[in-house]
N, C-alpha and C. Protein backbone atom coordinates (compact mmCIF):
# COMPACT_ATOMS: atom_id res chain seq x y z
N UNK A 1 -260.85 50.13 -69.92
CA UNK A 1 -260.33 50.52 -68.65
C UNK A 1 -258.86 50.88 -68.83
N UNK A 2 -258.47 52.06 -68.40
CA UNK A 2 -257.08 52.48 -68.49
C UNK A 2 -256.61 52.80 -67.07
N UNK A 3 -255.56 52.14 -66.65
CA UNK A 3 -254.99 52.37 -65.33
C UNK A 3 -253.52 52.68 -65.50
N UNK A 4 -253.12 53.88 -65.12
CA UNK A 4 -251.72 54.26 -65.22
C UNK A 4 -250.88 53.33 -64.35
N UNK A 5 -249.82 52.81 -64.90
CA UNK A 5 -248.91 51.97 -64.15
C UNK A 5 -249.34 50.52 -64.00
N UNK A 6 -250.49 50.16 -64.54
CA UNK A 6 -250.96 48.78 -64.44
C UNK A 6 -250.48 48.01 -65.67
N UNK A 7 -249.85 46.86 -65.47
CA UNK A 7 -249.36 46.09 -66.61
C UNK A 7 -250.47 45.79 -67.62
N UNK A 8 -250.13 45.85 -68.89
CA UNK A 8 -251.12 45.64 -69.95
C UNK A 8 -251.80 44.27 -69.84
N UNK A 9 -251.07 43.24 -69.42
CA UNK A 9 -251.71 41.93 -69.31
C UNK A 9 -252.82 41.92 -68.26
N UNK A 10 -252.66 42.71 -67.20
CA UNK A 10 -253.71 42.82 -66.19
C UNK A 10 -254.90 43.58 -66.75
N UNK A 11 -254.65 44.68 -67.45
CA UNK A 11 -255.73 45.47 -68.05
C UNK A 11 -256.53 44.60 -69.02
N UNK A 12 -255.83 43.85 -69.87
CA UNK A 12 -256.50 42.98 -70.84
C UNK A 12 -257.33 41.91 -70.13
N UNK A 13 -256.75 41.29 -69.12
CA UNK A 13 -257.45 40.25 -68.36
C UNK A 13 -258.74 40.81 -67.75
N UNK A 14 -258.63 41.95 -67.06
CA UNK A 14 -259.79 42.51 -66.37
C UNK A 14 -260.87 42.95 -67.35
N UNK A 15 -260.48 43.36 -68.54
CA UNK A 15 -261.46 43.78 -69.54
C UNK A 15 -262.38 42.65 -69.97
N UNK A 16 -261.96 41.42 -69.76
CA UNK A 16 -262.76 40.25 -70.16
C UNK A 16 -263.49 39.61 -68.98
N UNK A 17 -263.37 40.16 -67.80
CA UNK A 17 -263.87 39.50 -66.59
C UNK A 17 -265.11 40.18 -66.02
N UNK A 18 -265.80 39.49 -65.10
CA UNK A 18 -266.98 40.06 -64.46
C UNK A 18 -266.67 41.38 -63.74
N UNK A 19 -267.69 42.21 -63.65
CA UNK A 19 -267.55 43.54 -63.04
C UNK A 19 -267.03 43.48 -61.61
N UNK A 20 -267.35 42.43 -60.88
CA UNK A 20 -266.88 42.33 -59.50
C UNK A 20 -265.36 42.35 -59.41
N UNK A 21 -264.68 41.73 -60.37
CA UNK A 21 -263.21 41.74 -60.34
C UNK A 21 -262.67 43.13 -60.62
N UNK A 22 -263.34 43.86 -61.49
CA UNK A 22 -262.89 45.23 -61.77
C UNK A 22 -263.11 46.13 -60.55
N UNK A 23 -264.18 45.89 -59.80
CA UNK A 23 -264.43 46.67 -58.60
C UNK A 23 -263.33 46.41 -57.56
N UNK A 24 -263.00 45.16 -57.33
CA UNK A 24 -261.92 44.84 -56.39
C UNK A 24 -260.61 45.48 -56.86
N UNK A 25 -260.36 45.46 -58.15
CA UNK A 25 -259.16 46.09 -58.72
C UNK A 25 -259.12 47.58 -58.36
N UNK A 26 -260.23 48.27 -58.59
CA UNK A 26 -260.28 49.71 -58.26
C UNK A 26 -260.04 49.92 -56.77
N UNK A 27 -260.63 49.09 -55.95
CA UNK A 27 -260.46 49.23 -54.51
C UNK A 27 -259.01 49.00 -54.10
N UNK A 28 -258.41 47.95 -54.58
CA UNK A 28 -257.02 47.66 -54.20
C UNK A 28 -256.09 48.80 -54.59
N UNK A 29 -256.31 49.37 -55.77
CA UNK A 29 -255.43 50.45 -56.22
C UNK A 29 -255.63 51.74 -55.42
N UNK A 30 -256.67 51.82 -54.62
CA UNK A 30 -256.86 52.98 -53.74
C UNK A 30 -256.06 52.84 -52.44
N UNK A 31 -255.59 51.66 -52.15
CA UNK A 31 -254.79 51.46 -50.94
C UNK A 31 -253.36 51.91 -51.22
N UNK A 32 -252.78 52.74 -50.35
CA UNK A 32 -251.46 53.32 -50.60
C UNK A 32 -250.38 52.28 -50.94
N UNK A 33 -249.57 52.64 -51.90
CA UNK A 33 -248.40 51.84 -52.31
C UNK A 33 -248.74 50.47 -52.89
N UNK A 34 -250.00 50.28 -53.29
CA UNK A 34 -250.38 49.00 -53.89
C UNK A 34 -249.87 48.93 -55.33
N UNK A 35 -249.34 47.77 -55.67
CA UNK A 35 -248.97 47.46 -57.05
C UNK A 35 -249.74 46.21 -57.45
N UNK A 36 -249.86 46.01 -58.75
CA UNK A 36 -250.55 44.83 -59.25
C UNK A 36 -249.70 44.17 -60.32
N UNK A 37 -249.73 42.86 -60.32
CA UNK A 37 -249.03 42.11 -61.36
C UNK A 37 -249.87 40.87 -61.67
N UNK A 38 -249.61 40.30 -62.81
CA UNK A 38 -250.26 39.05 -63.19
C UNK A 38 -249.46 37.91 -62.56
N UNK A 39 -250.13 37.05 -61.81
CA UNK A 39 -249.47 35.91 -61.19
C UNK A 39 -250.37 34.69 -61.35
N UNK A 40 -249.83 33.66 -61.94
CA UNK A 40 -250.61 32.44 -62.18
C UNK A 40 -251.88 32.74 -62.97
N UNK A 41 -251.79 33.73 -63.86
CA UNK A 41 -252.91 34.06 -64.73
C UNK A 41 -253.94 35.00 -64.16
N UNK A 42 -253.73 35.50 -62.95
CA UNK A 42 -254.71 36.37 -62.30
C UNK A 42 -254.04 37.59 -61.70
N UNK A 43 -254.79 38.71 -61.58
CA UNK A 43 -254.22 39.89 -60.93
C UNK A 43 -253.93 39.60 -59.45
N UNK A 44 -252.75 40.00 -59.03
CA UNK A 44 -252.34 39.85 -57.64
C UNK A 44 -251.89 41.22 -57.15
N UNK A 45 -252.41 41.62 -56.00
CA UNK A 45 -252.17 42.96 -55.45
C UNK A 45 -251.17 42.84 -54.31
N UNK A 46 -250.19 43.75 -54.33
CA UNK A 46 -249.11 43.71 -53.35
C UNK A 46 -248.90 45.08 -52.73
N UNK A 47 -248.38 45.07 -51.52
CA UNK A 47 -247.89 46.28 -50.88
C UNK A 47 -246.48 45.96 -50.41
N UNK A 48 -245.55 46.81 -50.82
CA UNK A 48 -244.13 46.63 -50.47
C UNK A 48 -243.63 45.22 -50.80
N UNK A 49 -244.09 44.72 -51.96
CA UNK A 49 -243.62 43.43 -52.44
C UNK A 49 -244.29 42.21 -51.83
N UNK A 50 -245.27 42.41 -50.95
CA UNK A 50 -245.96 41.29 -50.32
C UNK A 50 -247.40 41.23 -50.81
N UNK A 51 -247.81 40.08 -51.28
CA UNK A 51 -249.16 39.90 -51.81
C UNK A 51 -250.19 39.94 -50.68
N UNK A 52 -251.30 40.65 -50.94
CA UNK A 52 -252.39 40.66 -49.96
C UNK A 52 -253.73 40.30 -50.59
N UNK A 53 -253.84 40.24 -51.91
CA UNK A 53 -255.11 39.86 -52.53
C UNK A 53 -254.87 39.37 -53.95
N UNK A 54 -255.74 38.49 -54.38
CA UNK A 54 -255.72 38.00 -55.75
C UNK A 54 -257.16 37.73 -56.17
N UNK A 55 -257.47 38.04 -57.41
CA UNK A 55 -258.82 37.79 -57.92
C UNK A 55 -258.74 36.83 -59.09
N UNK A 56 -259.80 36.07 -59.27
CA UNK A 56 -259.80 35.13 -60.39
C UNK A 56 -261.23 34.78 -60.79
N UNK A 57 -261.34 34.38 -62.03
CA UNK A 57 -262.62 33.89 -62.56
C UNK A 57 -262.35 32.56 -63.25
N UNK A 58 -263.17 31.59 -62.95
CA UNK A 58 -263.08 30.26 -63.57
C UNK A 58 -261.76 29.57 -63.24
N UNK A 59 -261.27 29.78 -62.02
CA UNK A 59 -260.03 29.14 -61.56
C UNK A 59 -260.20 27.63 -61.58
N UNK A 60 -259.32 26.93 -62.26
CA UNK A 60 -259.41 25.47 -62.42
C UNK A 60 -260.78 25.05 -62.96
N UNK A 61 -261.32 25.86 -63.89
CA UNK A 61 -262.60 25.57 -64.56
C UNK A 61 -263.77 25.45 -63.57
N UNK A 62 -263.70 26.23 -62.49
CA UNK A 62 -264.75 26.18 -61.47
C UNK A 62 -266.01 26.92 -61.90
N UNK A 63 -265.85 27.86 -62.85
CA UNK A 63 -266.98 28.69 -63.24
C UNK A 63 -267.31 29.78 -62.23
N UNK A 64 -266.52 29.90 -61.18
CA UNK A 64 -266.79 30.85 -60.10
C UNK A 64 -265.91 32.09 -60.22
N UNK A 65 -266.38 33.17 -59.60
CA UNK A 65 -265.62 34.42 -59.51
C UNK A 65 -265.26 34.59 -58.04
N UNK A 66 -263.97 34.82 -57.78
CA UNK A 66 -263.55 34.80 -56.39
C UNK A 66 -262.41 35.77 -56.07
N UNK A 67 -262.30 36.06 -54.79
CA UNK A 67 -261.23 36.87 -54.22
C UNK A 67 -260.54 36.02 -53.18
N UNK A 68 -259.22 36.05 -53.18
CA UNK A 68 -258.44 35.49 -52.09
C UNK A 68 -257.72 36.66 -51.45
N UNK A 69 -257.83 36.81 -50.13
CA UNK A 69 -257.17 37.92 -49.44
C UNK A 69 -256.50 37.42 -48.18
N UNK A 70 -255.34 37.97 -47.90
CA UNK A 70 -254.59 37.62 -46.69
C UNK A 70 -255.41 38.05 -45.49
N UNK A 71 -255.67 37.13 -44.60
CA UNK A 71 -256.45 37.46 -43.41
C UNK A 71 -255.56 37.90 -42.26
N UNK A 72 -256.10 38.77 -41.45
CA UNK A 72 -255.43 39.10 -40.19
C UNK A 72 -255.45 37.83 -39.34
N UNK A 73 -254.59 37.71 -38.34
CA UNK A 73 -254.59 36.51 -37.52
C UNK A 73 -255.98 36.19 -36.97
N UNK A 74 -256.44 34.96 -37.21
CA UNK A 74 -257.75 34.52 -36.73
C UNK A 74 -258.93 34.93 -37.58
N UNK A 75 -258.71 35.79 -38.57
CA UNK A 75 -259.82 36.32 -39.37
C UNK A 75 -260.47 35.26 -40.25
N UNK A 76 -259.66 34.37 -40.80
CA UNK A 76 -260.22 33.38 -41.73
C UNK A 76 -261.36 32.60 -41.07
N UNK A 77 -261.12 32.06 -39.92
CA UNK A 77 -262.13 31.27 -39.23
C UNK A 77 -263.37 32.11 -38.92
N UNK A 78 -263.16 33.34 -38.49
CA UNK A 78 -264.28 34.22 -38.16
C UNK A 78 -265.16 34.48 -39.37
N UNK A 79 -264.54 34.84 -40.50
CA UNK A 79 -265.32 35.12 -41.71
C UNK A 79 -266.09 33.88 -42.16
N UNK A 80 -265.43 32.73 -42.15
CA UNK A 80 -266.08 31.50 -42.62
C UNK A 80 -267.23 31.11 -41.69
N UNK A 81 -267.03 31.20 -40.39
CA UNK A 81 -268.10 30.87 -39.44
C UNK A 81 -269.27 31.83 -39.56
N UNK A 82 -268.95 33.10 -39.83
CA UNK A 82 -270.00 34.12 -39.94
C UNK A 82 -270.91 33.87 -41.15
N UNK A 83 -270.33 33.46 -42.27
CA UNK A 83 -271.13 33.28 -43.48
C UNK A 83 -270.46 32.28 -44.43
N UNK A 84 -270.63 30.98 -44.17
CA UNK A 84 -269.95 29.97 -44.98
C UNK A 84 -270.43 29.90 -46.43
N UNK A 85 -271.53 30.55 -46.76
CA UNK A 85 -271.98 30.60 -48.16
C UNK A 85 -271.21 31.65 -48.96
N UNK A 86 -270.58 32.58 -48.27
CA UNK A 86 -269.83 33.64 -48.95
C UNK A 86 -268.32 33.48 -48.82
N UNK A 87 -267.86 32.91 -47.71
CA UNK A 87 -266.43 32.86 -47.41
C UNK A 87 -265.96 31.43 -47.21
N UNK A 88 -264.72 31.17 -47.55
CA UNK A 88 -264.19 29.81 -47.49
C UNK A 88 -262.67 29.86 -47.34
N UNK A 89 -262.11 28.70 -47.09
CA UNK A 89 -260.66 28.55 -46.98
C UNK A 89 -260.14 28.15 -48.36
N UNK A 90 -259.43 29.06 -49.04
CA UNK A 90 -258.99 28.76 -50.41
C UNK A 90 -257.85 27.74 -50.47
N UNK A 91 -257.82 27.05 -51.59
CA UNK A 91 -256.73 26.10 -51.84
C UNK A 91 -255.40 26.85 -51.84
N UNK A 92 -254.36 26.15 -51.57
CA UNK A 92 -252.98 26.64 -51.62
C UNK A 92 -252.66 27.63 -50.50
N UNK A 93 -253.38 28.74 -50.42
CA UNK A 93 -253.04 29.80 -49.47
C UNK A 93 -253.89 29.78 -48.20
N UNK A 94 -254.94 28.98 -48.18
CA UNK A 94 -255.80 28.89 -47.01
C UNK A 94 -255.06 28.51 -45.74
N UNK A 95 -254.13 27.54 -45.80
CA UNK A 95 -253.40 27.19 -44.58
C UNK A 95 -252.57 28.35 -44.01
N UNK A 96 -252.31 29.37 -44.80
CA UNK A 96 -251.57 30.54 -44.33
C UNK A 96 -252.50 31.66 -43.86
N UNK A 97 -253.78 31.36 -43.71
CA UNK A 97 -254.72 32.33 -43.17
C UNK A 97 -255.47 33.18 -44.18
N UNK A 98 -255.30 32.89 -45.46
CA UNK A 98 -256.01 33.66 -46.47
C UNK A 98 -257.50 33.31 -46.44
N UNK A 99 -258.32 34.30 -46.77
CA UNK A 99 -259.77 34.14 -46.81
C UNK A 99 -260.21 34.14 -48.26
N UNK A 100 -261.06 33.20 -48.62
CA UNK A 100 -261.66 33.18 -49.95
C UNK A 100 -263.05 33.79 -49.86
N UNK A 101 -263.42 34.59 -50.85
CA UNK A 101 -264.76 35.18 -50.91
C UNK A 101 -265.32 34.98 -52.31
N UNK A 102 -266.53 34.44 -52.36
CA UNK A 102 -267.20 34.29 -53.65
C UNK A 102 -267.71 35.66 -54.09
N UNK A 103 -267.43 36.02 -55.32
CA UNK A 103 -267.87 37.31 -55.86
C UNK A 103 -268.98 37.13 -56.90
N UNK A 104 -269.52 35.92 -56.98
CA UNK A 104 -270.61 35.67 -57.92
C UNK A 104 -271.91 35.33 -57.19
N UNK A 105 -271.98 35.73 -55.93
CA UNK A 105 -273.18 35.59 -55.11
C UNK A 105 -273.62 37.01 -54.75
N UNK A 106 -274.59 37.14 -53.86
CA UNK A 106 -274.98 38.45 -53.36
C UNK A 106 -273.83 38.95 -52.47
N UNK A 107 -272.93 39.72 -53.06
CA UNK A 107 -271.69 40.11 -52.38
C UNK A 107 -271.97 41.14 -51.28
N UNK A 108 -271.38 40.92 -50.13
CA UNK A 108 -271.43 41.88 -49.03
C UNK A 108 -270.22 42.80 -49.21
N UNK A 109 -270.40 43.85 -50.02
CA UNK A 109 -269.28 44.72 -50.37
C UNK A 109 -268.64 45.42 -49.17
N UNK A 110 -269.42 45.86 -48.15
CA UNK A 110 -268.76 46.42 -46.98
C UNK A 110 -267.81 45.42 -46.30
N UNK A 111 -268.20 44.15 -46.27
CA UNK A 111 -267.32 43.13 -45.69
C UNK A 111 -266.08 42.92 -46.56
N UNK A 112 -266.25 42.96 -47.88
CA UNK A 112 -265.10 42.80 -48.78
C UNK A 112 -264.10 43.93 -48.53
N UNK A 113 -264.59 45.15 -48.32
CA UNK A 113 -263.69 46.27 -48.01
C UNK A 113 -262.90 45.97 -46.74
N UNK A 114 -263.56 45.45 -45.72
CA UNK A 114 -262.87 45.11 -44.47
C UNK A 114 -261.82 44.03 -44.69
N UNK A 115 -262.19 43.01 -45.45
CA UNK A 115 -261.26 41.90 -45.71
C UNK A 115 -260.02 42.41 -46.44
N UNK A 116 -260.22 43.26 -47.46
CA UNK A 116 -259.08 43.79 -48.21
C UNK A 116 -258.16 44.63 -47.32
N UNK A 117 -258.75 45.49 -46.50
CA UNK A 117 -257.94 46.34 -45.62
C UNK A 117 -257.22 45.48 -44.58
N UNK A 118 -257.89 44.46 -44.03
CA UNK A 118 -257.22 43.56 -43.09
C UNK A 118 -255.98 42.93 -43.73
N UNK A 119 -256.15 42.44 -44.95
CA UNK A 119 -255.02 41.80 -45.64
C UNK A 119 -253.91 42.78 -45.93
N UNK A 120 -254.29 43.96 -46.38
CA UNK A 120 -253.33 45.02 -46.68
C UNK A 120 -252.51 45.36 -45.43
N UNK A 121 -253.20 45.60 -44.32
CA UNK A 121 -252.51 45.97 -43.08
C UNK A 121 -251.64 44.83 -42.56
N UNK A 122 -252.10 43.60 -42.74
CA UNK A 122 -251.32 42.45 -42.28
C UNK A 122 -249.98 42.33 -43.01
N UNK A 123 -249.92 42.81 -44.23
CA UNK A 123 -248.70 42.70 -45.03
C UNK A 123 -247.75 43.87 -44.84
N UNK A 124 -248.20 44.95 -44.22
CA UNK A 124 -247.32 46.08 -43.94
C UNK A 124 -246.41 45.75 -42.76
N UNK A 125 -245.23 46.35 -42.71
CA UNK A 125 -244.42 46.21 -41.50
C UNK A 125 -245.21 46.75 -40.30
N UNK A 126 -245.02 46.20 -39.12
CA UNK A 126 -245.82 46.59 -37.95
C UNK A 126 -245.87 48.10 -37.69
N UNK A 127 -244.75 48.77 -37.81
CA UNK A 127 -244.74 50.21 -37.55
C UNK A 127 -245.57 50.97 -38.58
N UNK A 128 -245.46 50.57 -39.84
CA UNK A 128 -246.25 51.21 -40.90
C UNK A 128 -247.73 50.92 -40.71
N UNK A 129 -248.07 49.69 -40.35
CA UNK A 129 -249.48 49.33 -40.14
C UNK A 129 -250.07 50.11 -38.97
N UNK A 130 -249.28 50.32 -37.92
CA UNK A 130 -249.77 51.05 -36.75
C UNK A 130 -250.08 52.51 -37.08
N UNK A 131 -249.43 53.03 -38.11
CA UNK A 131 -249.64 54.43 -38.50
C UNK A 131 -250.84 54.61 -39.43
N UNK A 132 -251.47 53.51 -39.85
CA UNK A 132 -252.58 53.57 -40.80
C UNK A 132 -253.90 53.47 -40.04
N UNK A 133 -254.83 54.31 -40.42
CA UNK A 133 -256.18 54.28 -39.86
C UNK A 133 -257.02 53.31 -40.68
N UNK A 134 -257.08 52.05 -40.23
CA UNK A 134 -257.79 51.01 -40.96
C UNK A 134 -259.25 51.35 -41.25
N UNK A 135 -260.03 51.78 -40.24
CA UNK A 135 -261.42 52.12 -40.51
C UNK A 135 -261.57 53.25 -41.55
N UNK A 136 -260.64 54.19 -41.56
CA UNK A 136 -260.70 55.26 -42.57
C UNK A 136 -260.46 54.69 -43.97
N UNK A 137 -259.53 53.73 -44.10
CA UNK A 137 -259.30 53.09 -45.40
C UNK A 137 -260.54 52.33 -45.86
N UNK A 138 -261.19 51.62 -44.94
CA UNK A 138 -262.42 50.90 -45.28
C UNK A 138 -263.46 51.89 -45.79
N UNK A 139 -263.59 53.03 -45.12
CA UNK A 139 -264.56 54.05 -45.54
C UNK A 139 -264.24 54.58 -46.93
N UNK A 140 -262.96 54.77 -47.23
CA UNK A 140 -262.56 55.24 -48.57
C UNK A 140 -262.98 54.22 -49.62
N UNK A 141 -262.70 52.95 -49.37
CA UNK A 141 -263.05 51.91 -50.35
C UNK A 141 -264.55 51.86 -50.58
N UNK A 142 -265.32 51.98 -49.54
CA UNK A 142 -266.78 51.89 -49.67
C UNK A 142 -267.35 53.00 -50.54
N UNK A 143 -266.61 54.10 -50.69
CA UNK A 143 -267.09 55.21 -51.53
C UNK A 143 -266.73 55.03 -53.00
N UNK A 144 -265.78 54.13 -53.30
CA UNK A 144 -265.33 53.92 -54.68
C UNK A 144 -266.30 52.96 -55.36
N UNK A 145 -266.79 53.36 -56.50
CA UNK A 145 -267.75 52.50 -57.24
C UNK A 145 -267.04 51.61 -58.17
């Protein structure tokens, strides 16, 4: 996998990880102004210097593949109530509204696209977020394989 502008440590990490993490990586990089860096051993995606998603495999020897994404206000509870087998409140960032999603189950990829876009928009300044067509971004992500 070669990604222009992606730090080599992220490329190396993703090359050894499950395909689901590489898919989230491709999706995040389709969102405007997204950058990626290695943070705490995992790829972390940012817009304008603010983190909105992080992916990991075997975090704290869990054996699981997961996504943590910044939730829009109230989104965390909604996602977890809707499907507690797929979504959860992650350690460390859960109290700040982040949503955890298991990527080693039957993944609901359309929902993952929504979660990523929600987090992305939540991290943009209000005026910039208002100028973005969220549903159009979700549609773009759903087309990326």
